[in-house]
Amino acid sequence: MLANVSNAHWFEILAPAAWTAPVVFNSPHSGHTYPQQLLAQTRLSPQALRKSEDCYIDELFESCVD
């Protein structure tokens, strides 16, 4: 049992003093459009495929495109 988790620091953001290279964002499991060819080749139902998605990741990274 965790005690006093409200004061815990779950992650830390470390940023460089200056950006010297581009950043690549990749999220291969966040899609929700399945081409017919993929659906024909898989044994999974569309519902099972949806369960493997990382939902809403595309919305989380949407502002990175700007």
PDB file of N, CA and C in Angstrom:
ATOM      1  N   MET A   1       0.838  -1.182   0.000  1.00  0.00           N
ATOM      2  CA  MET A   1       0.000   0.000   0.000  1.00  0.00           C
ATOM      3  C   MET A   1       0.886   1.250   0.000  1.00  0.00           C
ATOM      4  N   LEU A   2       0.579   2.169  -0.889  1.00  0.00           N
ATOM      5  CA  LEU A   2       1.351   3.406  -0.960  1.00  0.00           C
ATOM      6  C   LEU A   2       0.807   4.421   0.031  1.00  0.00           C
ATOM      7  N   ALA A   3       1.687   5.046   0.729  1.00  0.00           N
ATOM      8  CA  ALA A   3       1.281   6.067   1.695  1.00  0.00           C
ATOM      9  C   ALA A   3       1.633   7.443   1.152  1.00  0.00           C
ATOM     10  N   ASN A   4       0.758   8.378   1.326  1.00  0.00           N
ATOM     11  CA  ASN A   4       0.987   9.775   0.969  1.00  0.00           C
ATOM     12  C   ASN A   4       1.442   9.932  -0.490  1.00  0.00           C
ATOM     13  N   VAL A   5       0.688   9.358  -1.413  1.00  0.00           N
ATOM     14  CA  VAL A   5       1.053   9.441  -2.829  1.00  0.00           C
ATOM     15  C   VAL A   5       0.761  10.801  -3.432  1.00  0.00           C
ATOM     16  N   SER A   6       0.026  11.652  -2.746  1.00  0.00           N
ATOM     17  CA  SER A   6      -0.289  12.963  -3.306  1.00  0.00           C
ATOM     18  C   SER A   6       0.950  13.838  -3.462  1.00  0.00           C
ATOM     19  N   ASN A   7       2.002  13.590  -2.704  1.00  0.00           N
ATOM     20  CA  ASN A   7       3.236  14.364  -2.814  1.00  0.00           C
ATOM     21  C   ASN A   7       4.283  13.678  -3.680  1.00  0.00           C
ATOM     22  N   ALA A   8       3.935  12.532  -4.278  1.00  0.00           N
ATOM     23  CA  ALA A   8       4.901  11.784  -5.091  1.00  0.00           C
ATOM     24  C   ALA A   8       5.130  12.487  -6.417  1.00  0.00           C
ATOM     25  N   HIS A   9       6.336  12.378  -6.939  1.00  0.00           N
ATOM     26  CA  HIS A   9       6.685  12.903  -8.255  1.00  0.00           C
ATOM     27  C   HIS A   9       6.779  11.719  -9.198  1.00  0.00           C
ATOM     28  N   TRP A  10       5.828  11.606 -10.101  1.00  0.00           N
ATOM     29  CA  TRP A  10       5.754  10.438 -10.971  1.00  0.00           C
ATOM     30  C   TRP A  10       6.705  10.538 -12.150  1.00  0.00           C
ATOM     31  N   PHE A  11       7.036  11.720 -12.582  1.00  0.00           N
ATOM     32  CA  PHE A  11       7.975  11.875 -13.683  1.00  0.00           C
ATOM     33  C   PHE A  11       8.634  13.230 -13.574  1.00  0.00           C
ATOM     34  N   GLU A  12       9.722  13.380 -14.284  1.00  0.00           N
ATOM     35  CA  GLU A  12      10.473  14.630 -14.287  1.00  0.00           C
ATOM     36  C   GLU A  12      10.734  15.010 -15.739  1.00  0.00           C
ATOM     37  N   ILE A  13      10.541  16.253 -16.086  1.00  0.00           N
ATOM     38  CA  ILE A  13      10.804  16.739 -17.438  1.00  0.00           C
ATOM     39  C   ILE A  13      12.161  17.418 -17.432  1.00  0.00           C
ATOM     40  N   LEU A  14      13.058  16.890 -18.254  1.00  0.00           N
ATOM     41  CA  LEU A  14      14.393  17.467 -18.378  1.00  0.00           C
ATOM     42  C   LEU A  14      14.509  18.040 -19.785  1.00  0.00           C
ATOM     43  N   ALA A  15      14.683  19.320 -19.898  1.00  0.00           N
ATOM     44  CA  ALA A  15      14.788  19.981 -21.202  1.00  0.00           C
ATOM     45  C   ALA A  15      16.210  20.507 -21.391  1.00  0.00           C
ATOM     46  N   PRO A  16      16.700  20.457 -22.610  1.00  0.00           N
ATOM     47  CA  PRO A  16      18.037  21.005 -22.866  1.00  0.00           C
ATOM     48  C   PRO A  16      18.018  22.525 -22.812  1.00  0.00           C
ATOM     49  N   ALA A  17      19.165  23.110 -22.632  1.00  0.00           N
ATOM     50  CA  ALA A  17      19.257  24.578 -22.607  1.00  0.00           C
ATOM     51  C   ALA A  17      18.862  25.159 -23.958  1.00  0.00           C
ATOM     52  N   ALA A  18      19.193  24.441 -25.032  1.00  0.00           N
ATOM     53  CA  ALA A  18      18.828  24.878 -26.389  1.00  0.00           C
ATOM     54  C   ALA A  18      18.569  23.643 -27.234  1.00  0.00           C
ATOM     55  N   TRP A  19      17.537  23.701 -28.076  1.00  0.00           N
ATOM     56  CA  TRP A  19      17.248  22.591 -28.978  1.00  0.00           C
ATOM     57  C   TRP A  19      18.248  22.612 -30.124  1.00  0.00           C
ATOM     58  N   THR A  20      18.888  21.476 -30.378  1.00  0.00           N
ATOM     59  CA  THR A  20      19.878  21.400 -31.455  1.00  0.00           C
ATOM     60  C   THR A  20      19.494  20.382 -32.527  1.00  0.00           C
ATOM     61  N   ALA A  21      18.389  19.689 -32.338  1.00  0.00           N
ATOM     62  CA  ALA A  21      17.956  18.681 -33.307  1.00  0.00           C
ATOM     63  C   ALA A  21      16.429  18.608 -33.298  1.00  0.00           C
ATOM     64  N   PRO A  22      15.857  18.153 -34.401  1.00  0.00           N
ATOM     65  CA  PRO A  22      14.398  18.010 -34.428  1.00  0.00           C
ATOM     66  C   PRO A  22      13.941  16.865 -33.517  1.00  0.00           C
ATOM     67  N   VAL A  23      12.689  16.847 -33.211  1.00  0.00           N
ATOM     68  CA  VAL A  23      12.100  15.801 -32.383  1.00  0.00           C
ATOM     69  C   VAL A  23      11.151  14.989 -33.257  1.00  0.00           C
ATOM     70  N   VAL A  24      11.207  13.683 -33.132  1.00  0.00           N
ATOM     71  CA  VAL A  24      10.321  12.803 -33.880  1.00  0.00           C
ATOM     72  C   VAL A  24       9.335  12.179 -32.906  1.00  0.00           C
ATOM     73  N   PHE A  25       8.053  12.323 -33.197  1.00  0.00           N
ATOM     74  CA  PHE A  25       7.004  11.709 -32.391  1.00  0.00           C
ATOM     75  C   PHE A  25       6.441  10.545 -33.189  1.00  0.00           C
ATOM     76  N   ASN A  26       6.355   9.385 -32.570  1.00  0.00           N
ATOM     77  CA  ASN A  26       5.859   8.198 -33.252  1.00  0.00           C
ATOM     78  C   ASN A  26       4.938   7.444 -32.309  1.00  0.00           C
ATOM     79  N   SER A  27       3.814   7.060 -32.796  1.00  0.00           N
ATOM     80  CA  SER A  27       2.866   6.301 -31.991  1.00  0.00           C
ATOM     81  C   SER A  27       2.191   5.262 -32.874  1.00  0.00           C
ATOM     82  N   PRO A  28       2.827   4.111 -33.070  1.00  0.00           N
ATOM     83  CA  PRO A  28       2.320   3.136 -34.030  1.00  0.00           C
ATOM     84  C   PRO A  28       1.001   2.473 -33.649  1.00  0.00           C
ATOM     85  N   HIS A  29       0.588   2.530 -32.414  1.00  0.00           N
ATOM     86  CA  HIS A  29      -0.647   1.857 -32.011  1.00  0.00           C
ATOM     87  C   HIS A  29      -1.814   2.817 -31.836  1.00  0.00           C
ATOM     88  N   SER A  30      -1.680   4.044 -32.282  1.00  0.00           N
ATOM     89  CA  SER A  30      -2.737   5.014 -32.009  1.00  0.00           C
ATOM     90  C   SER A  30      -3.734   5.186 -33.142  1.00  0.00           C
ATOM     91  N   GLY A  31      -3.549   4.482 -34.236  1.00  0.00           N
ATOM     92  CA  GLY A  31      -4.487   4.617 -35.348  1.00  0.00           C
ATOM     93  C   GLY A  31      -5.819   3.952 -35.059  1.00  0.00           C
ATOM     94  N   HIS A  32      -6.843   4.394 -35.741  1.00  0.00           N
ATOM     95  CA  HIS A  32      -8.151   3.761 -35.594  1.00  0.00           C
ATOM     96  C   HIS A  32      -8.848   3.583 -36.948  1.00  0.00           C
ATOM     97  N   THR A  33      -8.081   3.712 -38.020  1.00  0.00           N
ATOM     98  CA  THR A  33      -8.582   3.452 -39.361  1.00  0.00           C
ATOM     99  C   THR A  33      -7.862   2.222 -39.889  1.00  0.00           C
ATOM    100  N   TYR A  34      -8.624   1.192 -40.218  1.00  0.00           N
ATOM    101  CA  TYR A  34      -8.041  -0.062 -40.664  1.00  0.00           C
ATOM    102  C   TYR A  34      -8.364  -0.288 -42.131  1.00  0.00           C
ATOM    103  N   PRO A  35      -7.330  -0.318 -42.991  1.00  0.00           N
ATOM    104  CA  PRO A  35      -7.567  -0.579 -44.408  1.00  0.00           C
ATOM    105  C   PRO A  35      -8.201  -1.961 -44.612  1.00  0.00           C
ATOM    106  N   GLN A  36      -9.011  -2.073 -45.623  1.00  0.00           N
ATOM    107  CA  GLN A  36      -9.692  -3.339 -45.914  1.00  0.00           C
ATOM    108  C   GLN A  36      -8.699  -4.480 -46.091  1.00  0.00           C
ATOM    109  N   GLN A  37      -7.546  -4.202 -46.689  1.00  0.00           N
ATOM    110  CA  GLN A  37      -6.521  -5.232 -46.895  1.00  0.00           C
ATOM    111  C   GLN A  37      -6.030  -5.782 -45.555  1.00  0.00           C
ATOM    112  N   LEU A  38      -5.826  -4.917 -44.575  1.00  0.00           N
ATOM    113  CA  LEU A  38      -5.401  -5.366 -43.246  1.00  0.00           C
ATOM    114  C   LEU A  38      -6.486  -6.206 -42.597  1.00  0.00           C
ATOM    115  N   LEU A  39      -7.725  -5.758 -42.676  1.00  0.00           N
ATOM    116  CA  LEU A  39      -8.831  -6.497 -42.067  1.00  0.00           C
ATOM    117  C   LEU A  39      -8.969  -7.883 -42.697  1.00  0.00           C
ATOM    118  N   ALA A  40      -8.706  -7.992 -43.999  1.00  0.00           N
ATOM    119  CA  ALA A  40      -8.805  -9.279 -44.684  1.00  0.00           C
ATOM    120  C   ALA A  40      -7.696 -10.236 -44.267  1.00  0.00           C
ATOM    121  N   GLN A  41      -6.569  -9.712 -43.829  1.00  0.00           N
ATOM    122  CA  GLN A  41      -5.416 -10.547 -43.491  1.00  0.00           C
ATOM    123  C   GLN A  41      -5.338 -10.917 -42.014  1.00  0.00           C
ATOM    124  N   THR A  42      -6.101 -10.265 -41.167  1.00  0.00           N
ATOM    125  CA  THR A  42      -6.004 -10.530 -39.732  1.00  0.00           C
ATOM    126  C   THR A  42      -7.058 -11.524 -39.279  1.00  0.00           C
ATOM    127  N   ARG A  43      -6.746 -12.218 -38.211  1.00  0.00           N
ATOM    128  CA  ARG A  43      -7.710 -13.137 -37.600  1.00  0.00           C
ATOM    129  C   ARG A  43      -8.531 -12.427 -36.529  1.00  0.00           C
ATOM    130  N   LEU A  44      -8.127 -11.217 -36.197  1.00  0.00           N
ATOM    131  CA  LEU A  44      -8.803 -10.467 -35.134  1.00  0.00           C
ATOM    132  C   LEU A  44     -10.056  -9.781 -35.659  1.00  0.00           C
ATOM    133  N   SER A  45     -11.037  -9.683 -34.813  1.00  0.00           N
ATOM    134  CA  SER A  45     -12.245  -8.943 -35.156  1.00  0.00           C
ATOM    135  C   SER A  45     -11.946  -7.452 -35.054  1.00  0.00           C
ATOM    136  N   PRO A  46     -12.748  -6.607 -35.693  1.00  0.00           N
ATOM    137  CA  PRO A  46     -12.548  -5.163 -35.535  1.00  0.00           C
ATOM    138  C   PRO A  46     -12.569  -4.719 -34.067  1.00  0.00           C
ATOM    139  N   GLN A  47     -13.398  -5.354 -33.248  1.00  0.00           N
ATOM    140  CA  GLN A  47     -13.452  -5.014 -31.821  1.00  0.00           C
ATOM    141  C   GLN A  47     -12.141  -5.379 -31.120  1.00  0.00           C
ATOM    142  N   ALA A  48     -11.561  -6.528 -31.476  1.00  0.00           N
ATOM    143  CA  ALA A  48     -10.289  -6.929 -30.874  1.00  0.00           C
ATOM    144  C   ALA A  48      -9.169  -5.985 -31.307  1.00  0.00           C
ATOM    145  N   LEU A  49      -9.191  -5.555 -32.570  1.00  0.00           N
ATOM    146  CA  LEU A  49      -8.198  -4.590 -33.035  1.00  0.00           C
ATOM    147  C   LEU A  49      -8.311  -3.290 -32.252  1.00  0.00           C
ATOM    148  N   ARG A  50      -9.516  -2.835 -32.008  1.00  0.00           N
ATOM    149  CA  ARG A  50      -9.718  -1.585 -31.262  1.00  0.00           C
ATOM    150  C   ARG A  50      -9.154  -1.682 -29.852  1.00  0.00           C
ATOM    151  N   LYS A  51      -9.207  -2.862 -29.261  1.00  0.00           N
ATOM    152  CA  LYS A  51      -8.672  -3.044 -27.907  1.00  0.00           C
ATOM    153  C   LYS A  51      -7.155  -2.913 -27.867  1.00  0.00           C
ATOM    154  N   SER A  52      -6.481  -3.083 -29.019  1.00  0.00           N
ATOM    155  CA  SER A  52      -5.023  -2.981 -29.051  1.00  0.00           C
ATOM    156  C   SER A  52      -4.545  -1.559 -29.318  1.00  0.00           C
ATOM    157  N   GLU A  53      -5.464  -0.648 -29.555  1.00  0.00           N
ATOM    158  CA  GLU A  53      -5.093   0.743 -29.837  1.00  0.00           C
ATOM    159  C   GLU A  53      -4.645   1.463 -28.570  1.00  0.00           C
ATOM    160  N   ASP A  54      -3.771   2.428 -28.755  1.00  0.00           N
ATOM    161  CA  ASP A  54      -3.448   3.373 -27.691  1.00  0.00           C
ATOM    162  C   ASP A  54      -4.366   4.567 -27.931  1.00  0.00           C
ATOM    163  N   CYS A  55      -5.535   4.513 -27.345  1.00  0.00           N
ATOM    164  CA  CYS A  55      -6.578   5.512 -27.610  1.00  0.00           C
ATOM    165  C   CYS A  55      -6.141   6.923 -27.228  1.00  0.00           C
ATOM    166  N   TYR A  56      -6.520   7.844 -28.053  1.00  0.00           N
ATOM    167  CA  TYR A  56      -6.354   9.289 -27.839  1.00  0.00           C
ATOM    168  C   TYR A  56      -4.911   9.783 -27.879  1.00  0.00           C
ATOM    169  N   ILE A  57      -3.957   8.911 -28.222  1.00  0.00           N
ATOM    170  CA  ILE A  57      -2.573   9.352 -28.335  1.00  0.00           C
ATOM    171  C   ILE A  57      -2.443  10.376 -29.459  1.00  0.00           C
ATOM    172  N   ASP A  58      -3.199  10.166 -30.535  1.00  0.00           N
ATOM    173  CA  ASP A  58      -3.159  11.117 -31.648  1.00  0.00           C
ATOM    174  C   ASP A  58      -3.605  12.499 -31.187  1.00  0.00           C
ATOM    175  N   GLU A  59      -4.573  12.568 -30.311  1.00  0.00           N
ATOM    176  CA  GLU A  59      -5.013  13.862 -29.779  1.00  0.00           C
ATOM    177  C   GLU A  59      -3.970  14.454 -28.831  1.00  0.00           C
ATOM    178  N   LEU A  60      -3.291  13.616 -28.089  1.00  0.00           N
ATOM    179  CA  LEU A  60      -2.249  14.087 -27.170  1.00  0.00           C
ATOM    180  C   LEU A  60      -1.111  14.744 -27.924  1.00  0.00           C
ATOM    181  N   PHE A  61      -0.699  14.159 -29.065  1.00  0.00           N
ATOM    182  CA  PHE A  61       0.417  14.669 -29.846  1.00  0.00           C
ATOM    183  C   PHE A  61      -0.015  15.656 -30.927  1.00  0.00           C
ATOM    184  N   GLU A  62      -1.298  15.920 -31.050  1.00  0.00           N
ATOM    185  CA  GLU A  62      -1.803  16.793 -32.121  1.00  0.00           C
ATOM    186  C   GLU A  62      -1.129  18.171 -32.135  1.00  0.00           C
ATOM    187  N   SER A  63      -0.877  18.744 -30.996  1.00  0.00           N
ATOM    188  CA  SER A  63      -0.270  20.071 -30.942  1.00  0.00           C
ATOM    189  C   SER A  63       1.198  20.054 -31.365  1.00  0.00           C
ATOM    190  N   CYS A  64       1.828  18.884 -31.389  1.00  0.00           N
ATOM    191  CA  CYS A  64       3.233  18.784 -31.805  1.00  0.00           C
ATOM    192  C   CYS A  64       3.397  19.066 -33.304  1.00  0.00           C
ATOM    193  N   VAL A  65       2.345  18.874 -34.062  1.00  0.00           N
ATOM    194  CA  VAL A  65       2.418  19.089 -35.502  1.00  0.00           C
ATOM    195  C   VAL A  65       2.628  20.566 -35.808  1.00  0.00           C
ATOM    196  N   ASP A  66       2.065  21.424 -35.001  1.00  0.00           N
ATOM    197  CA  ASP A  66       2.216  22.856 -35.196  1.00  0.00           C
ATOM    198  C   ASP A  66       3.655  23.281 -34.998  1.00  0.00           C
TER     199      ASP A  66
END
